[in-house]
């Protein structure tokens, strides 16, 4: 399968690392936003073609699918463009930074019938898969999820420490992971939402601290704390408080409530969540089926973020 990857930054590199381990897949074009960085990334990953023009990249001979890892504000526009050109799409989190744009992506997928999947890696991390499998088998029931998503990002820089041309967002990017995962793991849509935000950054014009509460119809709750002000370890730390044990997930690794590491190496064919996510995208295309984390499955998450944003704006 020939694939075009969009984006030359940190997230796209994670996909390129994962794709290198998948049989019968070839990245034939890299579409970027900065010429020097795009050329360097293409050279590093031995990609035969690079361009700054999306149309040029997705219309390379034989391209069937596109993985979009570009800046958040253009995810929806690029995804819709690719689908209208007949290409399957995997869109990094979030699929859009507004509910209206998410609905436009959803409608385009329905019209075209193509595979459209969100890059919700948490569904695929072996740590979270381990929990999911125990829930499905009846061994576990979640009582509460307590999640901390922390960065130290008081300037507009990316994960590589480089200046960003756009501004990342705690709600429309980082909260999306947990809101989706909570509903995926409980098997229920969240029916109650609370949200508060701290002061706005004077230059970035975004809230640097935020908390979101969720509850399902059966009473399972989630408390999510997010910050760009935390001077410490970066990333998301998930605590599952269950009826039969407590588990702490940190990306692909899993620990019990007493910090003993749990072996999750046999959960899937890889310990790399990005690789597993891309494997699902490719398999869904080949098998002509809806993927796990399809755009359809993500719409409630987008609705919740819209509700949370309106709630925070109303509170001032």
C-alpha atoms as a PDB file:
ATOM      1  CA  UNK A   1       0.000   0.000   0.000  1.00  0.00           C
ATOM      2  CA  UNK A   2       1.357   3.397  -0.975  1.00  0.00           C
ATOM      3  CA  UNK A   3       0.881   6.132   1.606  1.00  0.00           C
ATOM      4  CA  UNK A   4       1.384   9.892   1.696  1.00  0.00           C
ATOM      5  CA  UNK A   5       2.287  11.380   5.094  1.00  0.00           C
ATOM      6  CA  UNK A   6       1.412  15.017   5.759  1.00  0.00           C
ATOM      7  CA  UNK A   7       3.553  16.898   8.288  1.00  0.00           C
ATOM      8  CA  UNK A   8       7.286  16.961   8.923  1.00  0.00           C
ATOM      9  CA  UNK A   9       7.237  17.405  12.719  1.00  0.00           C
ATOM     10  CA  UNK A  10       7.375  15.266  15.851  1.00  0.00           C
ATOM     11  CA  UNK A  11       4.034  13.485  15.390  1.00  0.00           C
ATOM     12  CA  UNK A  12       4.658  12.528  11.782  1.00  0.00           C
ATOM     13  CA  UNK A  13       8.047  11.105  12.756  1.00  0.00           C
ATOM     14  CA  UNK A  14       6.305   8.767  15.191  1.00  0.00           C
ATOM     15  CA  UNK A  15       4.086   7.509  12.372  1.00  0.00           C
ATOM     16  CA  UNK A  16       7.063   7.115  10.059  1.00  0.00           C
ATOM     17  CA  UNK A  17       8.890   5.076  12.707  1.00  0.00           C
ATOM     18  CA  UNK A  18       5.851   2.835  13.109  1.00  0.00           C
ATOM     19  CA  UNK A  19       5.146   2.446   9.396  1.00  0.00           C
ATOM     20  CA  UNK A  20       8.694   1.209   8.888  1.00  0.00           C
ATOM     21  CA  UNK A  21       7.726  -1.934  10.829  1.00  0.00           C
ATOM     22  CA  UNK A  22       4.598  -2.733   8.810  1.00  0.00           C
ATOM     23  CA  UNK A  23       4.905  -5.184   5.934  1.00  0.00           C
ATOM     24  CA  UNK A  24       3.853  -4.219   2.385  1.00  0.00           C
ATOM     25  CA  UNK A  25       3.547  -0.512   3.152  1.00  0.00           C
ATOM     26  CA  UNK A  26       5.513   2.240   1.415  1.00  0.00           C
ATOM     27  CA  UNK A  27       5.551   5.956   2.172  1.00  0.00           C
ATOM     28  CA  UNK A  28       5.971   7.469  -1.281  1.00  0.00           C
ATOM     29  CA  UNK A  29       5.545  11.148  -0.474  1.00  0.00           C
ATOM     30  CA  UNK A  30       5.996  13.532   2.449  1.00  0.00           C
ATOM     31  CA  UNK A  31       4.042  16.791   2.429  1.00  0.00           C
ATOM     32  CA  UNK A  32       5.339  19.487   4.762  1.00  0.00           C
ATOM     33  CA  UNK A  33       5.060  23.134   5.639  1.00  0.00           C
ATOM     34  CA  UNK A  34       8.730  24.146   5.794  1.00  0.00           C
ATOM     35  CA  UNK A  35      10.952  23.173   2.876  1.00  0.00           C
ATOM     36  CA  UNK A  36      14.218  22.547   4.743  1.00  0.00           C
ATOM     37  CA  UNK A  37      12.562  20.498   7.487  1.00  0.00           C
ATOM     38  CA  UNK A  38      10.486  18.494   5.006  1.00  0.00           C
ATOM     39  CA  UNK A  39      13.494  17.704   2.850  1.00  0.00           C
ATOM     40  CA  UNK A  40      15.498  16.637   5.920  1.00  0.00           C
ATOM     41  CA  UNK A  41      12.717  14.359   7.157  1.00  0.00           C
ATOM     42  CA  UNK A  42      12.286  12.786   3.714  1.00  0.00           C
ATOM     43  CA  UNK A  43      16.020  12.091   3.567  1.00  0.00           C
ATOM     44  CA  UNK A  44      16.062  10.632   7.091  1.00  0.00           C
ATOM     45  CA  UNK A  45      13.234   8.191   6.314  1.00  0.00           C
ATOM     46  CA  UNK A  46      14.287   7.464   2.708  1.00  0.00           C
ATOM     47  CA  UNK A  47      11.047   8.861   1.290  1.00  0.00           C
ATOM     48  CA  UNK A  48      11.522   9.304  -2.476  1.00  0.00           C
ATOM     49  CA  UNK A  49       9.407  12.442  -2.864  1.00  0.00           C
ATOM     50  CA  UNK A  50       8.682  15.516  -0.777  1.00  0.00           C
ATOM     51  CA  UNK A  51       6.674  18.642  -1.455  1.00  0.00           C
ATOM     52  CA  UNK A  52       4.928  21.580   0.187  1.00  0.00           C
ATOM     53  CA  UNK A  53       1.869  21.036  -2.039  1.00  0.00           C
ATOM     54  CA  UNK A  54      -0.799  18.691  -0.689  1.00  0.00           C
ATOM     55  CA  UNK A  55      -2.271  17.935  -4.119  1.00  0.00           C
ATOM     56  CA  UNK A  56       1.123  17.016  -5.499  1.00  0.00           C
ATOM     57  CA  UNK A  57       1.749  14.609  -2.639  1.00  0.00           C
ATOM     58  CA  UNK A  58      -1.582  12.795  -2.560  1.00  0.00           C
ATOM     59  CA  UNK A  59      -1.654  12.390  -6.343  1.00  0.00           C
ATOM     60  CA  UNK A  60       1.656  10.574  -6.555  1.00  0.00           C
ATOM     61  CA  UNK A  61       1.166   7.330  -8.528  1.00  0.00           C
ATOM     62  CA  UNK A  62      -0.610   4.637  -6.533  1.00  0.00           C
ATOM     63  CA  UNK A  63      -1.302   6.610  -3.344  1.00  0.00           C
ATOM     64  CA  UNK A  64      -4.322   5.077  -1.592  1.00  0.00           C
ATOM     65  CA  UNK A  65      -4.148   6.605   1.858  1.00  0.00           C
ATOM     66  CA  UNK A  66      -2.997   9.721   3.686  1.00  0.00           C
ATOM     67  CA  UNK A  67      -1.849  10.108   7.289  1.00  0.00           C
ATOM     68  CA  UNK A  68      -2.348  13.719   8.393  1.00  0.00           C
ATOM     69  CA  UNK A  69       0.038  14.975  11.074  1.00  0.00           C
ATOM     70  CA  UNK A  70      -0.012  18.655  10.152  1.00  0.00           C
ATOM     71  CA  UNK A  71      -0.906  21.560  12.510  1.00  0.00           C
ATOM     72  CA  UNK A  72      -4.269  21.155  14.244  1.00  0.00           C
ATOM     73  CA  UNK A  73      -6.043  24.140  12.577  1.00  0.00           C
ATOM     74  CA  UNK A  74      -5.785  22.541   9.106  1.00  0.00           C
ATOM     75  CA  UNK A  75      -6.628  18.910   9.998  1.00  0.00           C
ATOM     76  CA  UNK A  76     -10.262  19.103   8.921  1.00  0.00           C
ATOM     77  CA  UNK A  77      -9.614  21.057   5.711  1.00  0.00           C
ATOM     78  CA  UNK A  78      -6.896  18.654   4.603  1.00  0.00           C
ATOM     79  CA  UNK A  79      -8.893  15.544   5.552  1.00  0.00           C
ATOM     80  CA  UNK A  80     -11.911  16.711   3.552  1.00  0.00           C
ATOM     81  CA  UNK A  81      -9.695  17.587   0.584  1.00  0.00           C
ATOM     82  CA  UNK A  82      -8.036  14.150   0.641  1.00  0.00           C
ATOM     83  CA  UNK A  83     -11.335  12.275   0.875  1.00  0.00           C
ATOM     84  CA  UNK A  84     -12.800  14.275  -1.997  1.00  0.00           C
ATOM     85  CA  UNK A  85      -9.711  13.201  -3.962  1.00  0.00           C
ATOM     86  CA  UNK A  86     -10.599   9.560  -3.206  1.00  0.00           C
ATOM     87  CA  UNK A  87      -8.007   8.915  -0.480  1.00  0.00           C
ATOM     88  CA  UNK A  88      -8.531   7.153   2.853  1.00  0.00           C
ATOM     89  CA  UNK A  89      -7.436   9.327   5.786  1.00  0.00           C
ATOM     90  CA  UNK A  90      -6.026   8.921   9.256  1.00  0.00           C
ATOM     91  CA  UNK A  91      -6.187  12.286  11.026  1.00  0.00           C
ATOM     92  CA  UNK A  92      -4.056  13.081  14.033  1.00  0.00           C
ATOM     93  CA  UNK A  93      -5.799  14.254  17.212  1.00  0.00           C
ATOM     94  CA  UNK A  94      -7.974  16.219  16.993  1.00  0.00           C
ATOM     95  CA  UNK A  95      -9.835  15.530  13.759  1.00  0.00           C
ATOM     96  CA  UNK A  96     -10.868  19.208  13.935  1.00  0.00           C
ATOM     97  CA  UNK A  97     -10.631  22.119  16.359  1.00  0.00           C
ATOM     98  CA  UNK A  98     -14.341  22.912  16.234  1.00  0.00           C
ATOM     99  CA  UNK A  99     -17.528  20.869  16.271  1.00  0.00           C
ATOM    100  CA  UNK A 100     -18.658  22.390  12.974  1.00  0.00           C
ATOM    101  CA  UNK A 101     -15.490  21.273  11.211  1.00  0.00           C
ATOM    102  CA  UNK A 102     -15.686  17.818  12.801  1.00  0.00           C
ATOM    103  CA  UNK A 103     -19.213  17.445  11.459  1.00  0.00           C
ATOM    104  CA  UNK A 104     -17.962  18.445   8.000  1.00  0.00           C
ATOM    105  CA  UNK A 105     -15.312  15.682   8.172  1.00  0.00           C
ATOM    106  CA  UNK A 106     -17.985  13.218   9.308  1.00  0.00           C
ATOM    107  CA  UNK A 107     -20.348  14.175   6.476  1.00  0.00           C
ATOM    108  CA  UNK A 108     -17.568  13.866   3.888  1.00  0.00           C
ATOM    109  CA  UNK A 109     -16.741  10.370   5.125  1.00  0.00           C
ATOM    110  CA  UNK A 110     -20.390   9.352   4.841  1.00  0.00           C
ATOM    111  CA  UNK A 111     -20.601  10.778   1.327  1.00  0.00           C
ATOM    112  CA  UNK A 112     -17.425   9.100   0.086  1.00  0.00           C
ATOM    113  CA  UNK A 113     -17.574   5.813   2.033  1.00  0.00           C
ATOM    114  CA  UNK A 114     -13.813   5.978   2.544  1.00  0.00           C
ATOM    115  CA  UNK A 115     -11.989   4.956   5.726  1.00  0.00           C
ATOM    116  CA  UNK A 116     -11.610   8.010   7.976  1.00  0.00           C
ATOM    117  CA  UNK A 117      -9.961   7.425  11.331  1.00  0.00           C
ATOM    118  CA  UNK A 118      -8.769   9.654  14.151  1.00  0.00           C
ATOM    119  CA  UNK A 119      -5.302   9.234  15.618  1.00  0.00           C
ATOM    120  CA  UNK A 120      -6.495   8.313  19.104  1.00  0.00           C
ATOM    121  CA  UNK A 121      -3.360   6.435  20.091  1.00  0.00           C
ATOM    122  CA  UNK A 122      -4.557   5.730  23.636  1.00  0.00           C
ATOM    123  CA  UNK A 123      -6.991   3.135  22.280  1.00  0.00           C
ATOM    124  CA  UNK A 124      -3.987   1.273  20.890  1.00  0.00           C
ATOM    125  CA  UNK A 125      -1.295   1.615  23.564  1.00  0.00           C
ATOM    126  CA  UNK A 126      -0.694  -1.900  25.001  1.00  0.00           C
ATOM    127  CA  UNK A 127      -1.220  -0.483  28.509  1.00  0.00           C
ATOM    128  CA  UNK A 128      -4.752   0.669  27.729  1.00  0.00           C
ATOM    129  CA  UNK A 129      -5.461  -2.403  25.594  1.00  0.00           C
ATOM    130  CA  UNK A 130      -4.611  -4.560  28.623  1.00  0.00           C
ATOM    131  CA  UNK A 131      -7.275  -2.741  30.653  1.00  0.00           C
ATOM    132  CA  UNK A 132      -9.759  -2.868  27.780  1.00  0.00           C
ATOM    133  CA  UNK A 133      -9.356  -6.631  27.406  1.00  0.00           C
ATOM    134  CA  UNK A 134      -9.993  -7.166  31.127  1.00  0.00           C
ATOM    135  CA  UNK A 135     -13.103  -4.981  30.967  1.00  0.00           C
ATOM    136  CA  UNK A 136     -14.429  -6.938  27.965  1.00  0.00           C
ATOM    137  CA  UNK A 137     -13.811 -10.262  29.730  1.00  0.00           C
ATOM    138  CA  UNK A 138     -15.680  -9.093  32.835  1.00  0.00           C
ATOM    139  CA  UNK A 139     -12.595  -9.090  35.082  1.00  0.00           C
ATOM    140  CA  UNK A 140     -12.657  -5.336  35.672  1.00  0.00           C
ATOM    141  CA  UNK A 141     -15.152  -2.529  35.997  1.00  0.00           C
ATOM    142  CA  UNK A 142     -13.946   1.051  36.178  1.00  0.00           C
ATOM    143  CA  UNK A 143     -15.162   3.124  39.106  1.00  0.00           C
ATOM    144  CA  UNK A 144     -13.137   6.226  38.315  1.00  0.00           C
ATOM    145  CA  UNK A 145     -10.465   7.461  35.936  1.00  0.00           C
ATOM    146  CA  UNK A 146      -8.111  10.124  37.256  1.00  0.00           C
ATOM    147  CA  UNK A 147      -5.942  11.659  34.538  1.00  0.00           C
ATOM    148  CA  UNK A 148      -3.195  14.289  34.587  1.00  0.00           C
ATOM    149  CA  UNK A 149      -1.982  15.814  31.317  1.00  0.00           C
ATOM    150  CA  UNK A 150       0.938  18.080  32.065  1.00  0.00           C
ATOM    151  CA  UNK A 151       3.453  20.072  30.023  1.00  0.00           C
ATOM    152  CA  UNK A 152       5.720  23.050  30.621  1.00  0.00           C
ATOM    153  CA  UNK A 153       4.864  25.169  27.616  1.00  0.00           C
ATOM    154  CA  UNK A 154       4.772  28.877  28.421  1.00  0.00           C
ATOM    155  CA  UNK A 155       6.163  29.692  24.990  1.00  0.00           C
ATOM    156  CA  UNK A 156       4.845  28.639  21.599  1.00  0.00           C
ATOM    157  CA  UNK A 157       7.166  25.675  20.986  1.00  0.00           C
ATOM    158  CA  UNK A 158       6.596  22.087  19.898  1.00  0.00           C
ATOM    159  CA  UNK A 159       7.620  18.761  21.443  1.00  0.00           C
ATOM    160  CA  UNK A 160      11.081  19.109  19.883  1.00  0.00           C
ATOM    161  CA  UNK A 161      11.615  22.540  21.460  1.00  0.00           C
ATOM    162  CA  UNK A 162      11.202  24.350  18.136  1.00  0.00           C
ATOM    163  CA  UNK A 163       9.054  27.465  17.504  1.00  0.00           C
ATOM    164  CA  UNK A 164       5.490  26.729  16.410  1.00  0.00           C
ATOM    165  CA  UNK A 165       3.590  28.556  13.682  1.00  0.00           C
ATOM    166  CA  UNK A 166       0.283  27.730  15.428  1.00  0.00           C
ATOM    167  CA  UNK A 167      -0.873  27.457  19.025  1.00  0.00           C
ATOM    168  CA  UNK A 168      -1.546  24.108  20.685  1.00  0.00           C
ATOM    169  CA  UNK A 169      -4.663  23.804  22.859  1.00  0.00           C
ATOM    170  CA  UNK A 170      -5.334  21.934  26.089  1.00  0.00           C
ATOM    171  CA  UNK A 171      -8.988  21.298  25.248  1.00  0.00           C
ATOM    172  CA  UNK A 172      -9.069  20.767  21.485  1.00  0.00           C
ATOM    173  CA  UNK A 173      -5.984  18.582  21.416  1.00  0.00           C
ATOM    174  CA  UNK A 174      -4.888  17.121  24.728  1.00  0.00           C
ATOM    175  CA  UNK A 175      -8.269  16.671  26.401  1.00  0.00           C
ATOM    176  CA  UNK A 176      -9.550  14.854  23.311  1.00  0.00           C
ATOM    177  CA  UNK A 177      -7.351  11.833  24.105  1.00  0.00           C
ATOM    178  CA  UNK A 178      -8.830  11.319  27.570  1.00  0.00           C
ATOM    179  CA  UNK A 179     -12.436  12.156  26.713  1.00  0.00           C
ATOM    180  CA  UNK A 180     -12.367   9.556  23.956  1.00  0.00           C
ATOM    181  CA  UNK A 181     -10.517   6.951  26.023  1.00  0.00           C
ATOM    182  CA  UNK A 182     -12.901   7.292  28.961  1.00  0.00           C
ATOM    183  CA  UNK A 183     -15.902   6.556  26.753  1.00  0.00           C
ATOM    184  CA  UNK A 184     -14.072   3.761  24.921  1.00  0.00           C
ATOM    185  CA  UNK A 185     -13.065   2.027  28.142  1.00  0.00           C
ATOM    186  CA  UNK A 186     -16.430   2.385  29.878  1.00  0.00           C
ATOM    187  CA  UNK A 187     -18.419   1.540  26.749  1.00  0.00           C
ATOM    188  CA  UNK A 188     -20.728   4.483  27.469  1.00  0.00           C
ATOM    189  CA  UNK A 189     -21.035   8.017  26.143  1.00  0.00           C
ATOM    190  CA  UNK A 190     -20.426  10.639  28.806  1.00  0.00           C
ATOM    191  CA  UNK A 191     -23.792  12.144  29.727  1.00  0.00           C
ATOM    192  CA  UNK A 192     -22.643  14.821  32.182  1.00  0.00           C
ATOM    193  CA  UNK A 193     -19.822  17.318  31.679  1.00  0.00           C
ATOM    194  CA  UNK A 194     -18.236  19.971  33.899  1.00  0.00           C
ATOM    195  CA  UNK A 195     -15.342  22.238  32.897  1.00  0.00           C
ATOM    196  CA  UNK A 196     -13.307  25.107  34.314  1.00  0.00           C
ATOM    197  CA  UNK A 197     -10.263  26.968  33.042  1.00  0.00           C
ATOM    198  CA  UNK A 198      -7.628  29.218  34.586  1.00  0.00           C
ATOM    199  CA  UNK A 199      -6.365  32.619  33.397  1.00  0.00           C
ATOM    200  CA  UNK A 200      -5.585  33.206  29.735  1.00  0.00           C
ATOM    201  CA  UNK A 201      -1.949  33.534  28.668  1.00  0.00           C
ATOM    202  CA  UNK A 202      -1.419  37.191  27.680  1.00  0.00           C
ATOM    203  CA  UNK A 203       0.403  36.331  24.429  1.00  0.00           C
ATOM    204  CA  UNK A 204      -0.841  32.854  23.467  1.00  0.00           C
ATOM    205  CA  UNK A 205      -4.474  33.799  24.254  1.00  0.00           C
ATOM    206  CA  UNK A 206      -5.259  30.321  25.625  1.00  0.00           C
ATOM    207  CA  UNK A 207      -5.965  29.003  29.117  1.00  0.00           C
ATOM    208  CA  UNK A 208      -2.853  27.371  30.564  1.00  0.00           C
ATOM    209  CA  UNK A 209      -4.726  25.328  33.187  1.00  0.00           C
ATOM    210  CA  UNK A 210      -7.977  23.435  32.915  1.00  0.00           C
ATOM    211  CA  UNK A 211     -10.025  20.705  34.547  1.00  0.00           C
ATOM    212  CA  UNK A 212     -12.822  18.618  33.066  1.00  0.00           C
ATOM    213  CA  UNK A 213     -15.208  16.234  34.787  1.00  0.00           C
ATOM    214  CA  UNK A 214     -17.203  13.496  33.053  1.00  0.00           C
ATOM    215  CA  UNK A 215     -19.833  11.008  34.204  1.00  0.00           C
ATOM    216  CA  UNK A 216     -21.502   8.155  32.329  1.00  0.00           C
ATOM    217  CA  UNK A 217     -25.184   7.183  32.722  1.00  0.00           C
ATOM    218  CA  UNK A 218     -24.148   4.273  34.984  1.00  0.00           C
ATOM    219  CA  UNK A 219     -22.202   6.615  37.284  1.00  0.00           C
ATOM    220  CA  UNK A 220     -18.554   6.068  36.298  1.00  0.00           C
ATOM    221  CA  UNK A 221     -16.622   9.312  36.682  1.00  0.00           C
ATOM    222  CA  UNK A 222     -13.495  10.848  35.166  1.00  0.00           C
ATOM    223  CA  UNK A 223     -11.447  13.735  36.527  1.00  0.00           C
ATOM    224  CA  UNK A 224      -9.042  15.289  34.029  1.00  0.00           C
ATOM    225  CA  UNK A 225      -6.484  17.930  35.013  1.00  0.00           C
ATOM    226  CA  UNK A 226      -4.507  19.678  32.273  1.00  0.00           C
ATOM    227  CA  UNK A 227      -1.726  22.245  32.460  1.00  0.00           C
ATOM    228  CA  UNK A 228       0.885  23.964  30.327  1.00  0.00           C
ATOM    229  CA  UNK A 229       2.383  25.386  33.558  1.00  0.00           C
ATOM    230  CA  UNK A 230       3.651  22.171  35.189  1.00  0.00           C
ATOM    231  CA  UNK A 231       7.427  22.197  35.628  1.00  0.00           C
ATOM    232  CA  UNK A 232       8.015  18.453  35.783  1.00  0.00           C
ATOM    233  CA  UNK A 233       7.599  15.221  33.812  1.00  0.00           C
ATOM    234  CA  UNK A 234       5.565  15.843  30.655  1.00  0.00           C
ATOM    235  CA  UNK A 235       2.786  13.692  29.251  1.00  0.00           C
ATOM    236  CA  UNK A 236      -0.439  12.053  30.405  1.00  0.00           C
ATOM    237  CA  UNK A 237      -0.727   9.816  33.445  1.00  0.00           C
ATOM    238  CA  UNK A 238      -3.857   7.662  33.696  1.00  0.00           C
ATOM    239  CA  UNK A 239      -5.053   6.105  36.962  1.00  0.00           C
ATOM    240  CA  UNK A 240      -7.776   3.481  36.598  1.00  0.00           C
ATOM    241  CA  UNK A 241      -9.558   2.894  39.910  1.00  0.00           C
ATOM    242  CA  UNK A 242     -11.497  -0.333  39.397  1.00  0.00           C
ATOM    243  CA  UNK A 243     -13.603  -2.764  41.365  1.00  0.00           C
ATOM    244  CA  UNK A 244     -10.768  -5.282  41.176  1.00  0.00           C
ATOM    245  CA  UNK A 245      -7.533  -3.336  41.381  1.00  0.00           C
ATOM    246  CA  UNK A 246      -5.929  -0.025  40.484  1.00  0.00           C
ATOM    247  CA  UNK A 247      -3.790   0.508  37.395  1.00  0.00           C
ATOM    248  CA  UNK A 248      -1.571   3.356  36.239  1.00  0.00           C
ATOM    249  CA  UNK A 249      -0.898   3.749  32.525  1.00  0.00           C
ATOM    250  CA  UNK A 250       1.889   5.927  31.139  1.00  0.00           C
ATOM    251  CA  UNK A 251       1.865   5.710  27.343  1.00  0.00           C
ATOM    252  CA  UNK A 252       2.714   2.083  26.463  1.00  0.00           C
ATOM    253  CA  UNK A 253       3.701   1.105  30.031  1.00  0.00           C
ATOM    254  CA  UNK A 254       1.398  -0.134  32.806  1.00  0.00           C
ATOM    255  CA  UNK A 255       1.785  -0.390  36.589  1.00  0.00           C
ATOM    256  CA  UNK A 256      -0.462  -1.588  39.386  1.00  0.00           C
ATOM    257  CA  UNK A 257      -1.586   0.751  42.155  1.00  0.00           C
ATOM    258  CA  UNK A 258       1.588  -0.003  44.145  1.00  0.00           C
ATOM    259  CA  UNK A 259       3.831   0.975  41.196  1.00  0.00           C
ATOM    260  CA  UNK A 260       4.742  -2.612  40.263  1.00  0.00           C
ATOM    261  CA  UNK A 261       5.277  -2.840  36.503  1.00  0.00           C
ATOM    262  CA  UNK A 262       2.951  -5.147  34.573  1.00  0.00           C
ATOM    263  CA  UNK A 263       4.206  -7.038  31.539  1.00  0.00           C
ATOM    264  CA  UNK A 264       2.094  -5.996  28.544  1.00  0.00           C
ATOM    265  CA  UNK A 265       4.513  -7.234  25.892  1.00  0.00           C
ATOM    266  CA  UNK A 266       2.136 -10.002  24.783  1.00  0.00           C
ATOM    267  CA  UNK A 267      -0.931  -7.770  24.445  1.00  0.00           C
ATOM    268  CA  UNK A 268      -0.312  -6.914  20.770  1.00  0.00           C
ATOM    269  CA  UNK A 269       2.184  -7.483  17.971  1.00  0.00           C
ATOM    270  CA  UNK A 270       4.107  -4.354  18.981  1.00  0.00           C
ATOM    271  CA  UNK A 271       4.792  -2.244  22.047  1.00  0.00           C
ATOM    272  CA  UNK A 272       4.453   0.922  19.941  1.00  0.00           C
ATOM    273  CA  UNK A 273       1.017   2.520  20.146  1.00  0.00           C
ATOM    274  CA  UNK A 274       1.544   4.589  16.988  1.00  0.00           C
ATOM    275  CA  UNK A 275       2.511   1.500  15.012  1.00  0.00           C
ATOM    276  CA  UNK A 276      -0.547  -0.377  16.298  1.00  0.00           C
ATOM    277  CA  UNK A 277      -2.771   2.570  15.388  1.00  0.00           C
ATOM    278  CA  UNK A 278      -1.363   2.663  11.852  1.00  0.00           C
ATOM    279  CA  UNK A 279      -1.741  -1.097  11.528  1.00  0.00           C
ATOM    280  CA  UNK A 280      -5.445  -0.698  12.307  1.00  0.00           C
ATOM    281  CA  UNK A 281      -5.818   2.026   9.675  1.00  0.00           C
ATOM    282  CA  UNK A 282      -4.151  -0.104   7.006  1.00  0.00           C
ATOM    283  CA  UNK A 283      -6.080  -3.249   7.979  1.00  0.00           C
ATOM    284  CA  UNK A 284      -9.409  -1.410   7.852  1.00  0.00           C
ATOM    285  CA  UNK A 285      -8.652  -0.229   4.308  1.00  0.00           C
ATOM    286  CA  UNK A 286      -7.622  -3.697   3.156  1.00  0.00           C
ATOM    287  CA  UNK A 287     -10.603  -5.360   4.846  1.00  0.00           C
ATOM    288  CA  UNK A 288     -13.074  -2.651   3.750  1.00  0.00           C
ATOM    289  CA  UNK A 289     -14.433  -2.119   7.267  1.00  0.00           C
ATOM    290  CA  UNK A 290     -14.899   0.636   9.842  1.00  0.00           C
ATOM    291  CA  UNK A 291     -11.723   1.124  11.873  1.00  0.00           C
ATOM    292  CA  UNK A 292     -11.391   1.381  15.617  1.00  0.00           C
ATOM    293  CA  UNK A 293     -11.432   5.156  16.332  1.00  0.00           C
ATOM    294  CA  UNK A 294     -13.380   5.945  13.176  1.00  0.00           C
ATOM    295  CA  UNK A 295     -14.591   9.509  12.700  1.00  0.00           C
ATOM    296  CA  UNK A 296     -18.111   8.257  13.433  1.00  0.00           C
ATOM    297  CA  UNK A 297     -17.024   6.897  16.808  1.00  0.00           C
ATOM    298  CA  UNK A 298     -15.343  10.188  17.713  1.00  0.00           C
ATOM    299  CA  UNK A 299     -18.268  12.533  17.234  1.00  0.00           C
ATOM    300  CA  UNK A 300     -19.456  12.377  20.851  1.00  0.00           C
ATOM    301  CA  UNK A 301     -15.955  13.394  21.964  1.00  0.00           C
ATOM    302  CA  UNK A 302     -16.127  16.415  19.668  1.00  0.00           C
ATOM    303  CA  UNK A 303     -19.565  17.316  21.066  1.00  0.00           C
ATOM    304  CA  UNK A 304     -18.231  17.123  24.623  1.00  0.00           C
ATOM    305  CA  UNK A 305     -15.313  19.419  23.828  1.00  0.00           C
ATOM    306  CA  UNK A 306     -17.704  21.913  22.276  1.00  0.00           C
ATOM    307  CA  UNK A 307     -19.906  21.730  25.377  1.00  0.00           C
ATOM    308  CA  UNK A 308     -16.882  22.176  27.661  1.00  0.00           C
ATOM    309  CA  UNK A 309     -15.671  25.182  25.666  1.00  0.00           C
ATOM    310  CA  UNK A 310     -19.049  26.884  25.854  1.00  0.00           C
ATOM    311  CA  UNK A 311     -19.201  26.184  29.578  1.00  0.00           C
ATOM    312  CA  UNK A 312     -15.761  27.714  30.183  1.00  0.00           C
ATOM    313  CA  UNK A 313     -16.470  30.769  28.053  1.00  0.00           C
ATOM    314  CA  UNK A 314     -19.738  31.380  29.908  1.00  0.00           C
ATOM    315  CA  UNK A 315     -17.940  31.208  33.263  1.00  0.00           C
ATOM    316  CA  UNK A 316     -15.410  33.777  32.029  1.00  0.00           C
END
